Amino acid sequence: MGGKIVTEVRNLKRGRYIIIDDEPCKVTDITISSPGKHGSAKARIEAVGIFDDKKRFIIKPTGDKIDSPIIDKRSGMITAMMGDRIQLMDMETYETFEVPTPDPEEVEGTLAESAEVEYLETLGRYKMVRVKKKKG
């Protein structure tokens, strides 16, 4: 899944997702400057990359359109841990794929085989977000 849609800059808010330099990013701050005598208002958007955690800035007129990624938040299970890679299986489609092993600070919970996890999928890339707690 995980395509992209087009949205107007004026509709962006903190916490929404946009694409800057072909990288899906989460908007952390947006400042709109008042228009000049003969110009349109400009938006200064500050965002952080989902996959690389790099800070990015972009300035665009508020009437312009910007790409916004479609992000799927899904459940999976760790089937194998192979050093710097983890193999996950989607809990709905039973599809298996590999993701880079995240730093322990990036993921809530402890990583272990057969643990249920939550992950993001967009633009053909995956990122593990957290380990789900067992009930009971």
N, C-alpha and C. Protein backbone atom coordinates (compact mmCIF):
# COMPACT_ATOMS: atom_id res chain seq x y z
N MET A 1 0.86 -1.17 0.00
CA MET A 1 0.00 0.00 0.00
C MET A 1 0.90 1.22 0.00
N GLY A 2 0.58 2.21 0.78
CA GLY A 2 1.44 3.35 1.02
C GLY A 2 1.79 4.17 -0.19
N GLY A 3 0.82 4.78 -0.84
CA GLY A 3 1.09 5.70 -1.94
C GLY A 3 1.24 7.11 -1.42
N LYS A 4 0.80 8.08 -2.23
CA LYS A 4 0.83 9.46 -1.75
C LYS A 4 -0.37 10.21 -2.30
N ILE A 5 -0.76 11.24 -1.56
CA ILE A 5 -1.85 12.11 -1.98
C ILE A 5 -1.33 13.54 -2.00
N VAL A 6 -2.09 14.41 -2.64
CA VAL A 6 -1.69 15.82 -2.73
C VAL A 6 -2.57 16.62 -1.79
N THR A 7 -1.96 17.50 -1.00
CA THR A 7 -2.70 18.37 -0.09
C THR A 7 -2.16 19.79 -0.21
N GLU A 8 -2.95 20.76 0.19
CA GLU A 8 -2.49 22.15 0.14
C GLU A 8 -1.67 22.48 1.38
N VAL A 9 -0.69 23.34 1.20
CA VAL A 9 0.20 23.73 2.30
C VAL A 9 -0.59 24.38 3.43
N ARG A 10 -1.62 25.16 3.10
CA ARG A 10 -2.39 25.85 4.15
C ARG A 10 -3.13 24.88 5.07
N ASN A 11 -3.34 23.64 4.62
CA ASN A 11 -4.05 22.64 5.43
C ASN A 11 -3.14 21.83 6.34
N LEU A 12 -1.83 22.07 6.27
CA LEU A 12 -0.89 21.31 7.09
C LEU A 12 -0.96 21.75 8.55
N LYS A 13 -0.75 20.78 9.43
CA LYS A 13 -0.70 21.05 10.87
C LYS A 13 0.45 20.25 11.45
N ARG A 14 0.84 20.60 12.66
CA ARG A 14 1.88 19.87 13.37
C ARG A 14 1.42 18.42 13.57
N GLY A 15 2.32 17.47 13.29
CA GLY A 15 1.97 16.06 13.45
C GLY A 15 1.55 15.38 12.16
N ARG A 16 1.23 16.15 11.10
CA ARG A 16 0.87 15.56 9.81
C ARG A 16 2.14 15.11 9.09
N TYR A 17 1.98 14.35 8.04
CA TYR A 17 3.11 13.82 7.29
C TYR A 17 3.16 14.43 5.89
N ILE A 18 4.38 14.76 5.42
CA ILE A 18 4.59 15.28 4.08
C ILE A 18 5.83 14.61 3.49
N ILE A 19 6.05 14.84 2.20
CA ILE A 19 7.23 14.30 1.54
C ILE A 19 8.15 15.45 1.17
N ILE A 20 9.37 15.45 1.71
CA ILE A 20 10.40 16.44 1.38
C ILE A 20 11.60 15.67 0.84
N ASP A 21 12.07 16.03 -0.34
CA ASP A 21 13.23 15.37 -0.97
C ASP A 21 13.02 13.85 -1.05
N ASP A 22 11.84 13.42 -1.47
CA ASP A 22 11.48 11.99 -1.61
C ASP A 22 11.59 11.22 -0.31
N GLU A 23 11.49 11.89 0.82
CA GLU A 23 11.58 11.25 2.13
C GLU A 23 10.31 11.60 2.92
N PRO A 24 9.55 10.59 3.40
CA PRO A 24 8.39 10.90 4.23
C PRO A 24 8.83 11.52 5.55
N CYS A 25 8.21 12.64 5.92
CA CYS A 25 8.60 13.38 7.12
C CYS A 25 7.37 13.74 7.94
N LYS A 26 7.57 13.88 9.25
CA LYS A 26 6.51 14.32 10.15
C LYS A 26 6.72 15.80 10.44
N VAL A 27 5.68 16.61 10.26
CA VAL A 27 5.77 18.05 10.47
C VAL A 27 5.91 18.32 11.97
N THR A 28 6.99 19.02 12.36
CA THR A 28 7.20 19.36 13.76
C THR A 28 6.84 20.80 14.05
N ASP A 29 6.92 21.68 13.04
CA ASP A 29 6.59 23.08 13.24
C ASP A 29 6.23 23.70 11.90
N ILE A 30 5.26 24.60 11.91
CA ILE A 30 4.89 25.32 10.70
C ILE A 30 4.62 26.77 11.07
N THR A 31 5.27 27.69 10.35
CA THR A 31 5.11 29.12 10.60
C THR A 31 4.64 29.76 9.31
N ILE A 32 3.56 30.51 9.39
CA ILE A 32 3.03 31.18 8.20
C ILE A 32 3.28 32.67 8.33
N SER A 33 3.98 33.23 7.32
CA SER A 33 4.27 34.66 7.33
C SER A 33 3.14 35.39 6.62
N SER A 34 2.87 36.61 7.06
CA SER A 34 1.80 37.38 6.44
C SER A 34 2.23 37.81 5.05
N PRO A 35 1.28 37.92 4.13
CA PRO A 35 1.63 38.27 2.76
C PRO A 35 2.09 39.72 2.66
N GLY A 36 2.94 39.96 1.68
CA GLY A 36 3.38 41.32 1.40
C GLY A 36 2.32 42.04 0.59
N LYS A 37 2.70 43.18 0.05
CA LYS A 37 1.76 43.99 -0.71
C LYS A 37 1.26 43.26 -1.96
N HIS A 38 2.17 42.57 -2.64
CA HIS A 38 1.79 41.91 -3.89
C HIS A 38 2.13 40.43 -3.88
N GLY A 39 2.19 39.82 -2.74
CA GLY A 39 2.59 38.42 -2.71
C GLY A 39 1.63 37.58 -1.90
N SER A 40 1.84 36.30 -1.96
CA SER A 40 1.01 35.40 -1.17
C SER A 40 1.75 35.05 0.12
N ALA A 41 1.00 34.56 1.09
CA ALA A 41 1.60 34.17 2.36
C ALA A 41 2.50 32.96 2.13
N LYS A 42 3.59 32.90 2.88
CA LYS A 42 4.54 31.79 2.75
C LYS A 42 4.51 30.98 4.04
N ALA A 43 4.70 29.68 3.89
CA ALA A 43 4.76 28.79 5.05
C ALA A 43 6.17 28.23 5.16
N ARG A 44 6.75 28.31 6.34
CA ARG A 44 8.05 27.70 6.62
C ARG A 44 7.76 26.44 7.41
N ILE A 45 8.05 25.30 6.79
CA ILE A 45 7.71 24.01 7.37
C ILE A 45 8.98 23.32 7.85
N GLU A 46 8.96 22.90 9.10
CA GLU A 46 10.07 22.14 9.69
C GLU A 46 9.55 20.73 9.92
N ALA A 47 10.30 19.73 9.43
CA ALA A 47 9.86 18.34 9.54
C ALA A 47 11.05 17.44 9.82
N VAL A 48 10.75 16.25 10.36
CA VAL A 48 11.78 15.26 10.67
C VAL A 48 11.47 13.99 9.88
N GLY A 49 12.48 13.43 9.21
CA GLY A 49 12.31 12.22 8.41
C GLY A 49 11.91 11.03 9.27
N ILE A 50 10.96 10.26 8.79
CA ILE A 50 10.49 9.09 9.54
C ILE A 50 11.57 8.02 9.61
N PHE A 51 12.25 7.78 8.49
CA PHE A 51 13.21 6.68 8.42
C PHE A 51 14.63 7.08 8.79
N ASP A 52 15.01 8.36 8.58
CA ASP A 52 16.40 8.75 8.84
C ASP A 52 16.55 9.78 9.96
N ASP A 53 15.46 10.26 10.54
CA ASP A 53 15.46 11.22 11.65
C ASP A 53 16.23 12.51 11.34
N LYS A 54 16.34 12.88 10.06
CA LYS A 54 17.00 14.13 9.69
C LYS A 54 15.98 15.26 9.70
N LYS A 55 16.43 16.42 10.18
CA LYS A 55 15.59 17.61 10.20
C LYS A 55 15.62 18.24 8.81
N ARG A 56 14.45 18.59 8.29
CA ARG A 56 14.37 19.21 6.97
C ARG A 56 13.49 20.45 7.06
N PHE A 57 13.83 21.44 6.23
CA PHE A 57 13.06 22.69 6.17
C PHE A 57 12.63 22.91 4.73
N ILE A 58 11.46 23.49 4.56
CA ILE A 58 10.99 23.85 3.22
C ILE A 58 10.13 25.10 3.36
N ILE A 59 10.24 26.01 2.39
CA ILE A 59 9.42 27.22 2.38
C ILE A 59 8.60 27.19 1.11
N LYS A 60 7.27 27.30 1.25
CA LYS A 60 6.37 27.24 0.11
C LYS A 60 5.23 28.24 0.31
N PRO A 61 4.68 28.77 -0.79
CA PRO A 61 3.47 29.59 -0.67
C PRO A 61 2.32 28.73 -0.13
N THR A 62 1.45 29.33 0.66
CA THR A 62 0.38 28.56 1.29
C THR A 62 -0.63 28.01 0.29
N GLY A 63 -0.70 28.57 -0.90
CA GLY A 63 -1.62 28.08 -1.92
C GLY A 63 -1.07 26.91 -2.71
N ASP A 64 0.22 26.62 -2.58
CA ASP A 64 0.83 25.52 -3.32
C ASP A 64 0.38 24.16 -2.79
N LYS A 65 0.56 23.17 -3.62
CA LYS A 65 0.23 21.80 -3.22
C LYS A 65 1.52 21.08 -2.85
N ILE A 66 1.39 20.10 -1.94
CA ILE A 66 2.55 19.33 -1.49
C ILE A 66 2.11 17.87 -1.35
N ASP A 67 3.05 16.95 -1.63
CA ASP A 67 2.74 15.52 -1.52
C ASP A 67 2.72 15.11 -0.06
N SER A 68 1.76 14.24 0.26
CA SER A 68 1.62 13.71 1.61
C SER A 68 1.56 12.19 1.50
N PRO A 69 2.41 11.45 2.23
CA PRO A 69 2.42 9.99 2.09
C PRO A 69 1.22 9.35 2.78
N ILE A 70 0.78 8.23 2.24
CA ILE A 70 -0.24 7.43 2.91
C ILE A 70 0.52 6.42 3.76
N ILE A 71 0.35 6.50 5.07
CA ILE A 71 1.10 5.67 6.00
C ILE A 71 0.18 4.63 6.62
N ASP A 72 0.55 3.36 6.47
CA ASP A 72 -0.20 2.27 7.09
C ASP A 72 0.46 1.91 8.40
N LYS A 73 -0.33 1.90 9.47
CA LYS A 73 0.15 1.44 10.78
C LYS A 73 -0.41 0.04 10.94
N ARG A 74 0.48 -0.95 10.99
CA ARG A 74 0.06 -2.34 10.98
C ARG A 74 0.67 -3.14 12.12
N SER A 75 0.15 -4.35 12.31
CA SER A 75 0.67 -5.27 13.33
C SER A 75 1.43 -6.39 12.66
N GLY A 76 2.51 -6.80 13.31
CA GLY A 76 3.31 -7.89 12.78
C GLY A 76 3.90 -8.69 13.92
N MET A 77 4.61 -9.76 13.56
CA MET A 77 5.26 -10.60 14.56
C MET A 77 6.69 -10.83 14.12
N ILE A 78 7.62 -10.75 15.07
CA ILE A 78 9.03 -11.00 14.76
C ILE A 78 9.20 -12.51 14.57
N THR A 79 9.64 -12.90 13.37
CA THR A 79 9.85 -14.33 13.10
C THR A 79 11.32 -14.71 13.24
N ALA A 80 12.22 -13.75 13.00
CA ALA A 80 13.66 -14.05 13.13
C ALA A 80 14.43 -12.77 13.37
N MET A 81 15.47 -12.87 14.21
CA MET A 81 16.36 -11.73 14.45
C MET A 81 17.74 -12.12 13.93
N MET A 82 18.23 -11.35 12.94
CA MET A 82 19.48 -11.71 12.26
C MET A 82 20.47 -10.56 12.34
N GLY A 83 20.96 -10.26 13.52
CA GLY A 83 21.95 -9.19 13.69
C GLY A 83 21.37 -7.81 13.43
N ASP A 84 21.71 -7.22 12.28
CA ASP A 84 21.24 -5.87 11.99
C ASP A 84 19.91 -5.86 11.24
N ARG A 85 19.29 -7.02 11.01
CA ARG A 85 18.00 -7.13 10.33
C ARG A 85 17.04 -7.95 11.19
N ILE A 86 15.75 -7.63 11.06
CA ILE A 86 14.70 -8.40 11.74
C ILE A 86 13.69 -8.80 10.69
N GLN A 87 13.27 -10.06 10.72
CA GLN A 87 12.25 -10.51 9.79
C GLN A 87 10.90 -10.43 10.49
N LEU A 88 9.95 -9.75 9.85
CA LEU A 88 8.60 -9.59 10.39
C LEU A 88 7.59 -10.32 9.51
N MET A 89 6.50 -10.75 10.14
CA MET A 89 5.38 -11.31 9.40
C MET A 89 4.15 -10.47 9.71
N ASP A 90 3.48 -9.99 8.68
CA ASP A 90 2.26 -9.20 8.87
C ASP A 90 1.18 -10.11 9.45
N MET A 91 0.44 -9.62 10.45
CA MET A 91 -0.56 -10.44 11.14
C MET A 91 -1.84 -10.61 10.33
N GLU A 92 -2.07 -9.77 9.31
CA GLU A 92 -3.28 -9.90 8.51
C GLU A 92 -3.03 -10.66 7.22
N THR A 93 -1.95 -10.32 6.51
CA THR A 93 -1.68 -10.92 5.20
C THR A 93 -0.69 -12.07 5.27
N TYR A 94 -0.01 -12.26 6.40
CA TYR A 94 1.02 -13.29 6.60
C TYR A 94 2.20 -13.14 5.65
N GLU A 95 2.37 -11.95 5.10
CA GLU A 95 3.50 -11.63 4.24
C GLU A 95 4.72 -11.43 5.14
N THR A 96 5.90 -11.90 4.71
CA THR A 96 7.12 -11.70 5.49
C THR A 96 8.04 -10.74 4.77
N PHE A 97 8.77 -9.95 5.55
CA PHE A 97 9.70 -8.96 5.02
C PHE A 97 10.72 -8.63 6.09
N GLU A 98 11.79 -7.96 5.68
CA GLU A 98 12.85 -7.61 6.62
C GLU A 98 12.87 -6.11 6.86
N VAL A 99 13.19 -5.74 8.09
CA VAL A 99 13.38 -4.33 8.46
C VAL A 99 14.72 -4.22 9.18
N PRO A 100 15.35 -3.03 9.13
CA PRO A 100 16.58 -2.86 9.90
C PRO A 100 16.28 -2.94 11.40
N THR A 101 17.20 -3.50 12.16
CA THR A 101 17.03 -3.58 13.61
C THR A 101 17.12 -2.17 14.18
N PRO A 102 16.06 -1.69 14.84
CA PRO A 102 16.10 -0.34 15.40
C PRO A 102 16.94 -0.27 16.67
N ASP A 103 17.40 0.94 17.00
CA ASP A 103 18.09 1.14 18.27
C ASP A 103 17.10 0.89 19.40
N PRO A 104 17.57 0.37 20.55
CA PRO A 104 16.66 0.12 21.67
C PRO A 104 15.91 1.37 22.14
N GLU A 105 16.53 2.57 21.97
CA GLU A 105 15.86 3.81 22.40
C GLU A 105 14.71 4.18 21.46
N GLU A 106 14.76 3.71 20.21
CA GLU A 106 13.74 4.07 19.22
C GLU A 106 12.45 3.28 19.39
N VAL A 107 12.54 2.11 20.00
CA VAL A 107 11.38 1.21 20.09
C VAL A 107 10.94 1.09 21.54
N GLU A 108 9.61 1.18 21.74
CA GLU A 108 9.06 0.96 23.07
C GLU A 108 8.97 -0.55 23.30
N GLY A 109 9.53 -1.04 24.39
CA GLY A 109 9.47 -2.46 24.70
C GLY A 109 10.75 -3.17 24.30
N THR A 110 10.82 -4.49 24.62
CA THR A 110 12.02 -5.27 24.31
C THR A 110 11.78 -6.16 23.10
N LEU A 111 12.78 -6.21 22.24
CA LEU A 111 12.70 -7.02 21.03
C LEU A 111 13.02 -8.47 21.35
N ALA A 112 12.16 -9.37 20.88
CA ALA A 112 12.40 -10.81 21.05
C ALA A 112 11.64 -11.54 19.95
N GLU A 113 12.12 -12.73 19.60
CA GLU A 113 11.42 -13.51 18.59
C GLU A 113 10.02 -13.86 19.08
N SER A 114 9.08 -13.91 18.16
CA SER A 114 7.66 -14.17 18.37
C SER A 114 6.95 -13.05 19.14
N ALA A 115 7.60 -11.90 19.30
CA ALA A 115 6.94 -10.74 19.92
C ALA A 115 6.07 -10.05 18.88
N GLU A 116 4.93 -9.54 19.32
CA GLU A 116 4.05 -8.81 18.42
C GLU A 116 4.48 -7.35 18.41
N VAL A 117 4.59 -6.77 17.21
CA VAL A 117 5.07 -5.39 17.08
C VAL A 117 4.12 -4.57 16.23
N GLU A 118 4.28 -3.26 16.32
CA GLU A 118 3.55 -2.33 15.47
C GLU A 118 4.58 -1.70 14.54
N TYR A 119 4.25 -1.61 13.25
CA TYR A 119 5.19 -1.03 12.30
C TYR A 119 4.47 -0.11 11.33
N LEU A 120 5.24 0.78 10.71
CA LEU A 120 4.72 1.70 9.70
C LEU A 120 5.18 1.24 8.34
N GLU A 121 4.31 1.40 7.32
CA GLU A 121 4.68 1.07 5.95
C GLU A 121 4.26 2.23 5.07
N THR A 122 5.20 2.78 4.32
CA THR A 122 4.89 3.83 3.36
C THR A 122 5.93 3.86 2.25
N LEU A 123 5.48 4.13 1.06
CA LEU A 123 6.35 4.25 -0.11
C LEU A 123 7.29 3.05 -0.25
N GLY A 124 6.79 1.85 0.09
CA GLY A 124 7.58 0.64 -0.06
C GLY A 124 8.64 0.43 1.01
N ARG A 125 8.60 1.21 2.09
CA ARG A 125 9.59 1.09 3.17
C ARG A 125 8.86 0.80 4.48
N TYR A 126 9.59 0.16 5.40
CA TYR A 126 9.01 -0.25 6.67
C TYR A 126 9.84 0.28 7.83
N LYS A 127 9.15 0.56 8.95
CA LYS A 127 9.85 0.96 10.18
C LYS A 127 9.09 0.40 11.37
N MET A 128 9.81 -0.29 12.25
CA MET A 128 9.21 -0.82 13.46
C MET A 128 9.07 0.31 14.47
N VAL A 129 7.88 0.42 15.09
CA VAL A 129 7.61 1.52 16.01
C VAL A 129 7.66 1.07 17.47
N ARG A 130 6.96 -0.03 17.78
CA ARG A 130 6.92 -0.47 19.17
C ARG A 130 6.60 -1.95 19.27
N VAL A 131 6.95 -2.51 20.42
CA VAL A 131 6.61 -3.89 20.74
C VAL A 131 5.33 -3.84 21.56
N LYS A 132 4.33 -4.61 21.13
CA LYS A 132 3.06 -4.62 21.86
C LYS A 132 3.21 -5.41 23.15
N LYS A 133 2.54 -4.95 24.19
CA LYS A 133 2.59 -5.64 25.47
C LYS A 133 1.64 -6.84 25.43
N LYS A 134 2.08 -7.93 26.06
CA LYS A 134 1.23 -9.12 26.12
C LYS A 134 0.11 -8.88 27.13
N LYS A 135 -1.07 -9.36 26.78
CA LYS A 135 -2.21 -9.20 27.68
C LYS A 135 -2.21 -10.34 28.70
N GLY A 136 -2.56 -9.97 29.92
CA GLY A 136 -2.70 -11.01 30.93
C GLY A 136 -1.68 -10.99 31.99
